[in-house]
C-alpha atoms as a PDB file:
ATOM      1  CA  MET A   1      31.949 -66.534  53.022  1.00  0.00           C
ATOM      2  CA  ASN A   2      31.563 -65.547  56.930  1.00  0.00           C
ATOM      3  CA  ARG A   3      33.116 -66.907  59.640  1.00  0.00           C
ATOM      4  CA  VAL A   4      33.615 -70.320  60.169  1.00  0.00           C
ATOM      5  CA  GLN A   5      30.985 -72.462  61.768  1.00  0.00           C
ATOM      6  CA  VAL A   6      32.576 -74.829  65.087  1.00  0.00           C
ATOM      7  CA  LYS A   7      29.921 -77.795  64.514  1.00  0.00           C
ATOM      8  CA  SER A   8      28.381 -79.152  68.036  1.00  0.00           C
ATOM      9  CA  PRO A   9      28.470 -82.765  68.468  1.00  0.00           C
ATOM     10  CA  GLN A  10      24.809 -82.545  67.891  1.00  0.00           C
ATOM     11  CA  GLN A  11      25.341 -80.930  64.167  1.00  0.00           C
ATOM     12  CA  GLN A  12      28.596 -83.078  63.542  1.00  0.00           C
ATOM     13  CA  ALA A  13      26.090 -86.038  64.161  1.00  0.00           C
ATOM     14  CA  LEU A  14      23.796 -84.561  61.152  1.00  0.00           C
ATOM     15  CA  MET A  15      26.761 -84.013  58.816  1.00  0.00           C
ATOM     16  CA  ARG A  16      28.188 -87.938  59.386  1.00  0.00           C
ATOM     17  CA  ALA A  17      24.684 -88.752  58.934  1.00  0.00           C
ATOM     18  CA  SER A  18      24.671 -86.727  55.725  1.00  0.00           C
ATOM     19  CA  GLY A  19      28.352 -88.235  54.782  1.00  0.00           C
ATOM     20  CA  ARG A  20      27.077 -91.661  55.107  1.00  0.00           C
ATOM     21  CA  LEU A  21      24.082 -91.384  52.910  1.00  0.00           C
ATOM     22  CA  LEU A  22      26.600 -89.837  50.255  1.00  0.00           C
ATOM     23  CA  SER A  23      28.676 -92.458  50.457  1.00  0.00           C
ATOM     24  CA  GLN A  24      26.473 -94.632  49.534  1.00  0.00           C
ATOM     25  CA  VAL A  25      25.800 -92.615  46.436  1.00  0.00           C
ATOM     26  CA  PHE A  26      28.959 -93.579  44.835  1.00  0.00           C
ATOM     27  CA  ALA A  27      28.665 -97.194  46.021  1.00  0.00           C
ATOM     28  CA  MET A  28      25.558 -97.085  43.587  1.00  0.00           C
ATOM     29  CA  LEU A  29      27.160 -95.801  41.139  1.00  0.00           C
ATOM     30  CA  ASP A  30      30.062 -98.528  41.047  1.00  0.00           C
ATOM     31  CA  GLU A  31      27.855-100.863  39.859  1.00  0.00           C
ATOM     32  CA  PHE A  32      26.200 -98.191  36.421  1.00  0.00           C
ATOM     33  CA  VAL A  33      29.265 -96.252  35.659  1.00  0.00           C
ATOM     34  CA  ALA A  34      30.797 -97.799  32.306  1.00  0.00           C
ATOM     35  CA  ALA A  35      31.073 -97.098  29.165  1.00  0.00           C
ATOM     36  CA  GLY A  36      28.344 -96.510  26.813  1.00  0.00           C
ATOM     37  CA  VAL A  37      26.407 -94.752  29.635  1.00  0.00           C
ATOM     38  CA  THR A  38      25.661 -91.409  29.152  1.00  0.00           C
ATOM     39  CA  THR A  39      27.183 -88.430  31.872  1.00  0.00           C
ATOM     40  CA  MET A  40      23.395 -87.508  31.578  1.00  0.00           C
ATOM     41  CA  GLU A  41      21.941 -91.233  32.692  1.00  0.00           C
ATOM     42  CA  ILE A  42      24.710 -90.643  35.236  1.00  0.00           C
ATOM     43  CA  ASP A  43      22.909 -87.466  37.067  1.00  0.00           C
ATOM     44  CA  ARG A  44      19.167 -88.664  36.584  1.00  0.00           C
ATOM     45  CA  GLN A  45      20.405 -92.030  38.429  1.00  0.00           C
ATOM     46  CA  VAL A  46      21.562 -90.323  41.149  1.00  0.00           C
ATOM     47  CA  ASP A  47      19.151 -87.996  41.406  1.00  0.00           C
ATOM     48  CA  ASP A  48      16.182 -90.933  41.512  1.00  0.00           C
ATOM     49  CA  TYR A  49      18.212 -92.185  43.999  1.00  0.00           C
ATOM     50  CA  ILE A  50      19.254 -89.522  46.621  1.00  0.00           C
ATOM     51  CA  VAL A  51      15.688 -88.252  46.030  1.00  0.00           C
ATOM     52  CA  LYS A  52      14.025 -91.636  46.303  1.00  0.00           C
ATOM     53  CA  THR A  53      16.051 -94.455  48.137  1.00  0.00           C
ATOM     54  CA  LEU A  54      17.615 -92.570  50.585  1.00  0.00           C
ATOM     55  CA  ASN A  55      15.145 -89.619  51.225  1.00  0.00           C
ATOM     56  CA  ALA A  56      17.391 -87.015  50.548  1.00  0.00           C
ATOM     57  CA  ARG A  57      17.286 -83.606  48.695  1.00  0.00           C
ATOM     58  CA  PRO A  58      20.706 -83.140  45.844  1.00  0.00           C
ATOM     59  CA  ALA A  59      21.864 -79.682  47.088  1.00  0.00           C
ATOM     60  CA  SER A  60      23.916 -78.683  43.946  1.00  0.00           C
ATOM     61  CA  LYS A  61      20.592 -78.918  41.814  1.00  0.00           C
ATOM     62  CA  GLY A  62      19.761 -74.973  41.998  1.00  0.00           C
ATOM     63  CA  GLN A  63      22.711 -73.577  43.777  1.00  0.00           C
ATOM     64  CA  TYR A  64      23.792 -71.224  41.657  1.00  0.00           C
ATOM     65  CA  ASP A  65      20.724 -71.694  38.873  1.00  0.00           C
ATOM     66  CA  TYR A  66      22.459 -74.833  38.061  1.00  0.00           C
ATOM     67  CA  PRO A  67      20.315 -77.338  36.622  1.00  0.00           C
ATOM     68  CA  TYR A  68      21.546 -80.783  37.416  1.00  0.00           C
ATOM     69  CA  THR A  69      22.783 -83.057  40.227  1.00  0.00           C
ATOM     70  CA  LEU A  70      25.930 -83.718  39.949  1.00  0.00           C
ATOM     71  CA  ASN A  71      29.541 -82.327  37.634  1.00  0.00           C
ATOM     72  CA  CYS A  72      30.694 -85.346  35.401  1.00  0.00           C
ATOM     73  CA  SER A  73      33.992 -83.938  34.641  1.00  0.00           C
ATOM     74  CA  ILE A  74      35.722 -86.364  31.978  1.00  0.00           C
ATOM     75  CA  ASN A  75      39.864 -86.630  31.090  1.00  0.00           C
ATOM     76  CA  GLU A  76      41.163 -82.828  30.210  1.00  0.00           C
ATOM     77  CA  VAL A  77      37.833 -81.102  32.378  1.00  0.00           C
ATOM     78  CA  VAL A  78      38.843 -79.739  35.447  1.00  0.00           C
ATOM     79  CA  CYS A  79      35.778 -79.302  37.203  1.00  0.00           C
ATOM     80  CA  HIS A  80      32.342 -78.637  37.003  1.00  0.00           C
ATOM     81  CA  GLY A  81      31.506 -80.457  33.844  1.00  0.00           C
ATOM     82  CA  VAL A  82      27.891 -80.543  32.923  1.00  0.00           C
ATOM     83  CA  PRO A  83      25.983 -83.490  31.786  1.00  0.00           C
ATOM     84  CA  SER A  84      24.820 -84.171  28.649  1.00  0.00           C
ATOM     85  CA  ALA A  85      22.557 -86.424  27.286  1.00  0.00           C
ATOM     86  CA  SER A  86      25.340 -87.252  23.882  1.00  0.00           C
ATOM     87  CA  ARG A  87      27.951 -87.853  26.095  1.00  0.00           C
ATOM     88  CA  LYS A  88      29.203 -91.308  26.393  1.00  0.00           C
ATOM     89  CA  LEU A  89      31.582 -92.775  28.490  1.00  0.00           C
ATOM     90  CA  LYS A  90      33.717 -94.841  26.860  1.00  0.00           C
ATOM     91  CA  ASN A  91      37.037 -96.912  26.937  1.00  0.00           C
ATOM     92  CA  GLY A  92      39.867 -95.222  28.273  1.00  0.00           C
ATOM     93  CA  ASP A  93      38.227 -92.201  29.678  1.00  0.00           C
ATOM     94  CA  ILE A  94      38.707 -90.937  33.359  1.00  0.00           C
ATOM     95  CA  VAL A  95      35.890 -89.100  35.181  1.00  0.00           C
ATOM     96  CA  ASN A  96      34.756 -87.509  38.128  1.00  0.00           C
ATOM     97  CA  LEU A  97      31.766 -87.363  39.298  1.00  0.00           C
ATOM     98  CA  ASP A  98      31.350 -84.264  41.821  1.00  0.00           C
ATOM     99  CA  ILE A  99      28.006 -84.906  44.365  1.00  0.00           C
ATOM    100  CA  THR A 100      26.383 -83.149  47.244  1.00  0.00           C
ATOM    101  CA  LEU A 101      23.741 -84.498  49.570  1.00  0.00           C
ATOM    102  CA  GLU A 102      21.291 -82.563  52.341  1.00  0.00           C
ATOM    103  CA  LYS A 103      19.900 -84.794  55.168  1.00  0.00           C
ATOM    104  CA  ASN A 104      18.297 -83.011  57.877  1.00  0.00           C
ATOM    105  CA  GLY A 105      19.603 -79.611  56.806  1.00  0.00           C
ATOM    106  CA  PHE A 106      22.834 -80.546  56.746  1.00  0.00           C
ATOM    107  CA  VAL A 107      25.373 -81.136  53.265  1.00  0.00           C
ATOM    108  CA  ALA A 108      28.162 -83.456  52.346  1.00  0.00           C
ATOM    109  CA  ASP A 109      29.975 -83.402  49.573  1.00  0.00           C
ATOM    110  CA  SER A 110      32.302 -85.517  47.522  1.00  0.00           C
ATOM    111  CA  SER A 111      34.387 -86.944  44.146  1.00  0.00           C
ATOM    112  CA  LYS A 112      35.513 -89.899  43.241  1.00  0.00           C
ATOM    113  CA  MET A 113      37.273 -90.938  40.102  1.00  0.00           C
ATOM    114  CA  TYR A 114      35.824 -93.567  37.345  1.00  0.00           C
ATOM    115  CA  LEU A 115      38.431 -95.857  35.361  1.00  0.00           C
ATOM    116  CA  ILE A 116      36.384 -96.626  32.413  1.00  0.00           C
ATOM    117  CA  GLY A 117      37.636-100.167  30.656  1.00  0.00           C
ATOM    118  CA  GLU A 118      40.959 -99.961  29.983  1.00  0.00           C
ATOM    119  CA  VAL A 119      42.870 -96.696  30.542  1.00  0.00           C
ATOM    120  CA  ALA A 120      46.353 -95.426  29.370  1.00  0.00           C
ATOM    121  CA  PRO A 121      49.174 -95.930  32.430  1.00  0.00           C
ATOM    122  CA  ALA A 122      50.032 -92.255  32.840  1.00  0.00           C
ATOM    123  CA  ALA A 123      46.361 -91.164  33.192  1.00  0.00           C
ATOM    124  CA  HIS A 124      46.434 -93.950  35.998  1.00  0.00           C
ATOM    125  CA  LYS A 125      49.166 -92.644  37.427  1.00  0.00           C
ATOM    126  CA  LEU A 126      47.673 -89.127  37.675  1.00  0.00           C
ATOM    127  CA  VAL A 127      44.579 -90.642  39.478  1.00  0.00           C
ATOM    128  CA  LYS A 128      46.313 -92.540  42.039  1.00  0.00           C
ATOM    129  CA  ALA A 129      48.944 -89.458  42.350  1.00  0.00           C
ATOM    130  CA  THR A 130      45.864 -86.934  43.228  1.00  0.00           C
ATOM    131  CA  TYR A 131      44.395 -89.439  45.283  1.00  0.00           C
ATOM    132  CA  ALA A 132      47.204 -89.789  47.931  1.00  0.00           C
ATOM    133  CA  ALA A 133      47.381 -86.242  47.871  1.00  0.00           C
ATOM    134  CA  MET A 134      44.129 -85.575  48.755  1.00  0.00           C
ATOM    135  CA  TRP A 135      45.241 -88.235  51.681  1.00  0.00           C
ATOM    136  CA  LYS A 136      48.286 -86.235  52.163  1.00  0.00           C
ATOM    137  CA  GLY A 137      45.887 -83.236  52.794  1.00  0.00           C
ATOM    138  CA  ILE A 138      43.830 -84.573  55.218  1.00  0.00           C
ATOM    139  CA  ALA A 139      46.368 -85.984  56.988  1.00  0.00           C
ATOM    140  CA  GLN A 140      47.505 -83.060  58.103  1.00  0.00           C
ATOM    141  CA  VAL A 141      44.205 -82.218  59.711  1.00  0.00           C
ATOM    142  CA  ARG A 142      44.121 -81.707  63.729  1.00  0.00           C
ATOM    143  CA  PRO A 143      43.251 -79.019  66.179  1.00  0.00           C
ATOM    144  CA  GLY A 144      46.366 -76.216  66.352  1.00  0.00           C
ATOM    145  CA  ALA A 145      47.262 -76.972  62.563  1.00  0.00           C
ATOM    146  CA  ARG A 146      47.117 -74.652  60.134  1.00  0.00           C
ATOM    147  CA  LEU A 147      45.196 -74.296  56.955  1.00  0.00           C
ATOM    148  CA  GLY A 148      48.773 -74.306  54.921  1.00  0.00           C
ATOM    149  CA  ASP A 149      49.831 -77.018  56.595  1.00  0.00           C
ATOM    150  CA  ILE A 150      47.209 -78.725  54.130  1.00  0.00           C
ATOM    151  CA  GLY A 151      47.895 -76.590  51.269  1.00  0.00           C
ATOM    152  CA  HIS A 152      51.677 -77.523  51.514  1.00  0.00           C
ATOM    153  CA  ALA A 153      51.397 -81.466  51.840  1.00  0.00           C
ATOM    154  CA  ILE A 154      49.375 -81.622  48.789  1.00  0.00           C
ATOM    155  CA  GLN A 155      51.529 -79.603  46.489  1.00  0.00           C
ATOM    156  CA  LYS A 156      54.253 -80.872  47.581  1.00  0.00           C
ATOM    157  CA  TYR A 157      53.223 -84.384  47.375  1.00  0.00           C
ATOM    158  CA  ALA A 158      51.792 -83.611  43.783  1.00  0.00           C
ATOM    159  CA  GLU A 159      55.118 -81.818  42.448  1.00  0.00           C
ATOM    160  CA  HIS A 160      56.858 -84.701  43.362  1.00  0.00           C
ATOM    161  CA  CYS A 161      55.001 -86.596  41.284  1.00  0.00           C
ATOM    162  CA  GLY A 162      55.958 -83.950  38.104  1.00  0.00           C
ATOM    163  CA  TYR A 163      52.148 -82.606  38.601  1.00  0.00           C
ATOM    164  CA  SER A 164      50.663 -79.204  38.902  1.00  0.00           C
ATOM    165  CA  VAL A 165      47.504 -77.839  41.502  1.00  0.00           C
ATOM    166  CA  VAL A 166      45.106 -76.109  39.877  1.00  0.00           C
ATOM    167  CA  ARG A 167      44.660 -72.592  41.932  1.00  0.00           C
ATOM    168  CA  GLU A 168      41.589 -71.047  41.143  1.00  0.00           C
ATOM    169  CA  TYR A 169      39.351 -73.576  42.378  1.00  0.00           C
ATOM    170  CA  CYS A 170      39.584 -75.047  46.716  1.00  0.00           C
ATOM    171  CA  GLY A 171      38.020 -76.732  49.330  1.00  0.00           C
ATOM    172  CA  HIS A 172      35.373 -74.992  51.657  1.00  0.00           C
ATOM    173  CA  GLY A 173      33.513 -74.736  54.709  1.00  0.00           C
ATOM    174  CA  ILE A 174      30.733 -76.811  54.703  1.00  0.00           C
ATOM    175  CA  GLY A 175      27.654 -77.617  57.307  1.00  0.00           C
ATOM    176  CA  ARG A 176      24.043 -76.409  56.662  1.00  0.00           C
ATOM    177  CA  GLU A 177      25.346 -73.922  53.337  1.00  0.00           C
ATOM    178  CA  MET A 178      27.476 -76.473  50.972  1.00  0.00           C
ATOM    179  CA  HIS A 179      29.526 -73.636  50.721  1.00  0.00           C
ATOM    180  CA  GLU A 180      31.069 -71.184  54.062  1.00  0.00           C
ATOM    181  CA  ALA A 181      34.276 -70.464  55.289  1.00  0.00           C
ATOM    182  CA  PRO A 182      36.946 -71.079  55.485  1.00  0.00           C
ATOM    183  CA  GLN A 183      38.668 -71.966  52.054  1.00  0.00           C
ATOM    184  CA  VAL A 184      40.836 -74.144  51.621  1.00  0.00           C
ATOM    185  CA  LEU A 185      43.360 -73.976  49.442  1.00  0.00           C
ATOM    186  CA  HIS A 186      45.171 -76.781  47.940  1.00  0.00           C
ATOM    187  CA  PHE A 187      48.648 -75.168  47.978  1.00  0.00           C
ATOM    188  CA  GLY A 188      50.711 -72.978  50.513  1.00  0.00           C
ATOM    189  CA  ARG A 189      53.118 -72.430  53.115  1.00  0.00           C
ATOM    190  CA  PRO A 190      53.198 -74.691  55.823  1.00  0.00           C
ATOM    191  CA  HIS A 191      52.070 -73.027  59.601  1.00  0.00           C
ATOM    192  CA  THR A 192      50.285 -70.565  57.585  1.00  0.00           C
ATOM    193  CA  GLY A 193      46.495 -69.646  57.434  1.00  0.00           C
ATOM    194  CA  GLU A 194      43.992 -69.998  59.566  1.00  0.00           C
ATOM    195  CA  VAL A 195      44.237 -72.163  62.685  1.00  0.00           C
ATOM    196  CA  LEU A 196      42.200 -75.709  62.888  1.00  0.00           C
ATOM    197  CA  GLN A 197      39.571 -75.815  65.411  1.00  0.00           C
ATOM    198  CA  GLU A 198      38.015 -79.228  66.584  1.00  0.00           C
ATOM    199  CA  GLY A 199      34.247 -79.033  65.429  1.00  0.00           C
ATOM    200  CA  MET A 200      34.970 -77.285  62.163  1.00  0.00           C
ATOM    201  CA  THR A 201      34.389 -78.840  59.052  1.00  0.00           C
ATOM    202  CA  PHE A 202      35.576 -78.425  55.378  1.00  0.00           C
ATOM    203  CA  THR A 203      36.851 -80.060  52.275  1.00  0.00           C
ATOM    204  CA  ILE A 204      39.190 -81.109  50.730  1.00  0.00           C
ATOM    205  CA  GLU A 205      39.423 -81.728  47.464  1.00  0.00           C
ATOM    206  CA  PRO A 206      42.531 -80.704  45.019  1.00  0.00           C
ATOM    207  CA  MET A 207      42.522 -80.565  41.565  1.00  0.00           C
ATOM    208  CA  ILE A 208      45.918 -81.913  39.987  1.00  0.00           C
ATOM    209  CA  ASN A 209      47.073 -81.709  36.410  1.00  0.00           C
ATOM    210  CA  GLN A 210      49.173 -83.444  34.549  1.00  0.00           C
ATOM    211  CA  GLY A 211      50.582 -80.644  32.693  1.00  0.00           C
ATOM    212  CA  THR A 212      50.489 -76.860  33.745  1.00  0.00           C
ATOM    213  CA  HIS A 213      47.937 -75.737  36.344  1.00  0.00           C
ATOM    214  CA  LYS A 214      46.645 -72.855  33.959  1.00  0.00           C
ATOM    215  CA  THR A 215      42.397 -73.965  33.611  1.00  0.00           C
ATOM    216  CA  LYS A 216      40.037 -72.093  31.082  1.00  0.00           C
ATOM    217  CA  THR A 217      36.572 -71.764  31.042  1.00  0.00           C
ATOM    218  CA  LEU A 218      34.219 -73.069  27.863  1.00  0.00           C
ATOM    219  CA  LYS A 219      31.455 -70.923  26.498  1.00  0.00           C
ATOM    220  CA  ASP A 220      28.798 -72.562  28.749  1.00  0.00           C
ATOM    221  CA  GLY A 221      30.004 -70.812  31.847  1.00  0.00           C
ATOM    222  CA  TRP A 222      30.580 -73.844  33.848  1.00  0.00           C
ATOM    223  CA  THR A 223      32.970 -76.273  32.106  1.00  0.00           C
ATOM    224  CA  VAL A 224      36.585 -75.595  33.391  1.00  0.00           C
ATOM    225  CA  VAL A 225      39.623 -77.533  31.016  1.00  0.00           C
ATOM    226  CA  THR A 226      42.899 -77.533  31.218  1.00  0.00           C
ATOM    227  CA  ARG A 227      44.910 -75.058  29.245  1.00  0.00           C
ATOM    228  CA  ASP A 228      47.402 -77.602  27.464  1.00  0.00           C
ATOM    229  CA  LYS A 229      43.985 -79.470  27.192  1.00  0.00           C
ATOM    230  CA  LYS A 230      45.850 -82.674  28.974  1.00  0.00           C
ATOM    231  CA  LEU A 231      44.209 -84.562  31.815  1.00  0.00           C
ATOM    232  CA  SER A 232      43.319 -83.640  35.390  1.00  0.00           C
ATOM    233  CA  ALA A 233      42.158 -85.660  38.386  1.00  0.00           C
ATOM    234  CA  GLN A 234      40.408 -84.514  41.341  1.00  0.00           C
ATOM    235  CA  TRP A 235      39.024 -86.522  44.636  1.00  0.00           C
ATOM    236  CA  GLU A 236      37.267 -84.553  47.492  1.00  0.00           C
ATOM    237  CA  HIS A 237      35.783 -85.928  51.305  1.00  0.00           C
ATOM    238  CA  THR A 238      34.333 -83.404  54.197  1.00  0.00           C
ATOM    239  CA  VAL A 239      36.303 -83.815  56.931  1.00  0.00           C
ATOM    240  CA  LEU A 240      35.919 -83.040  60.561  1.00  0.00           C
ATOM    241  CA  VAL A 241      38.592 -81.731  62.944  1.00  0.00           C
ATOM    242  CA  THR A 242      38.324 -84.009  66.255  1.00  0.00           C
ATOM    243  CA  ALA A 243      39.914 -83.523  69.265  1.00  0.00           C
ATOM    244  CA  ASP A 244      42.831 -85.691  68.313  1.00  0.00           C
ATOM    245  CA  GLY A 245      42.874 -85.384  64.620  1.00  0.00           C
ATOM    246  CA  TYR A 246      40.382 -86.171  61.928  1.00  0.00           C
ATOM    247  CA  GLU A 247      36.957 -88.035  60.824  1.00  0.00           C
ATOM    248  CA  VAL A 248      36.168 -88.547  57.483  1.00  0.00           C
ATOM    249  CA  LEU A 249      32.722 -87.908  57.174  1.00  0.00           C
ATOM    250  CA  THR A 250      32.494 -89.663  53.396  1.00  0.00           C
ATOM    251  CA  LEU A 251      34.291 -92.443  53.435  1.00  0.00           C
ATOM    252  CA  ARG A 252      33.421 -94.937  51.588  1.00  0.00           C
ATOM    253  CA  VAL A 253      33.099 -98.833  52.240  1.00  0.00           C
ATOM    254  CA  GLU A 254      36.148 -99.840  50.212  1.00  0.00           C
ATOM    255  CA  GLU A 255      37.977 -97.074  51.724  1.00  0.00           C
ATOM    256  CA  ALA A 256      37.604 -98.150  55.550  1.00  0.00           C
ATOM    257  CA  ASP A 257      39.939-101.120  55.786  1.00  0.00           C
ATOM    258  CA  LEU A 258      42.102 -99.056  54.169  1.00  0.00           C
ATOM    259  CA  HIS A 259      41.564 -96.102  56.016  1.00  0.00           C
ATOM    260  CA  ARG A 260      45.295 -95.450  56.828  1.00  0.00           C
ATOM    261  CA  LYS A 261      47.248 -96.197  54.089  1.00  0.00           C
ATOM    262  CA  PRO A 262      44.511 -95.472  51.568  1.00  0.00           C
ATOM    263  CA  GLU A 263      46.301 -94.617  48.757  1.00  0.00           C
ATOM    264  CA  SER A 264      46.853 -98.437  48.076  1.00  0.00           C
ATOM    265  CA  ARG A 265      43.770 -99.339  47.164  1.00  0.00           C
ATOM    266  CA  LEU A 266      44.297 -97.812  43.497  1.00  0.00           C
END
């Protein structure tokens, strides 16, 4: 990654448009994701919707030679789960769908957890806490704050809930490229790290585990799972640093009226 790319007002407007389109993808998926649907069917549905309905580009497809449009991470899968024609979602699953979209040269990145059917209370609690932890991090964003403030807020909340924060994967700057500077860790010390500036855009995407934070990558070279096989959850938004705080560029419709207390929606 090179130096941080501060976005001009015109570039911010283009990123805002990409984020708005990506939120529409999740609105579509809210009616599609269900028990009995394969993760490959979800991938194809998203690809078709982005290309044909939104006239945009699935930014993950072909990135690092990845052949699919999204990552689908189920239960103990931490991130980078690969779509499968044989893996059907089933009652009790929790699944993270991580999707990127490029429109007019700018990329948006977001992920959402879906709870399939009757989910165990412990799984529901993890998903809810991970969502709240993400927003604890987002709430730190303002000019003059530091990246360590974001990571510390997330780590403090997650560990208070009895969970651990994955270390190996982090948020990232985003704009013309999916991955730009800076790296946004989801753990750390307050008042450390790069100072946030108005016009910076990056993702906040904590991965929170029920058990140990340690992970391993499966033989496919993509799928990352918890070492202890306990559950993991993740949420993600693309965030803009504004003059007086932040703007969530990928905010979804169901979040808009609960923007100040987002954790209450689960």
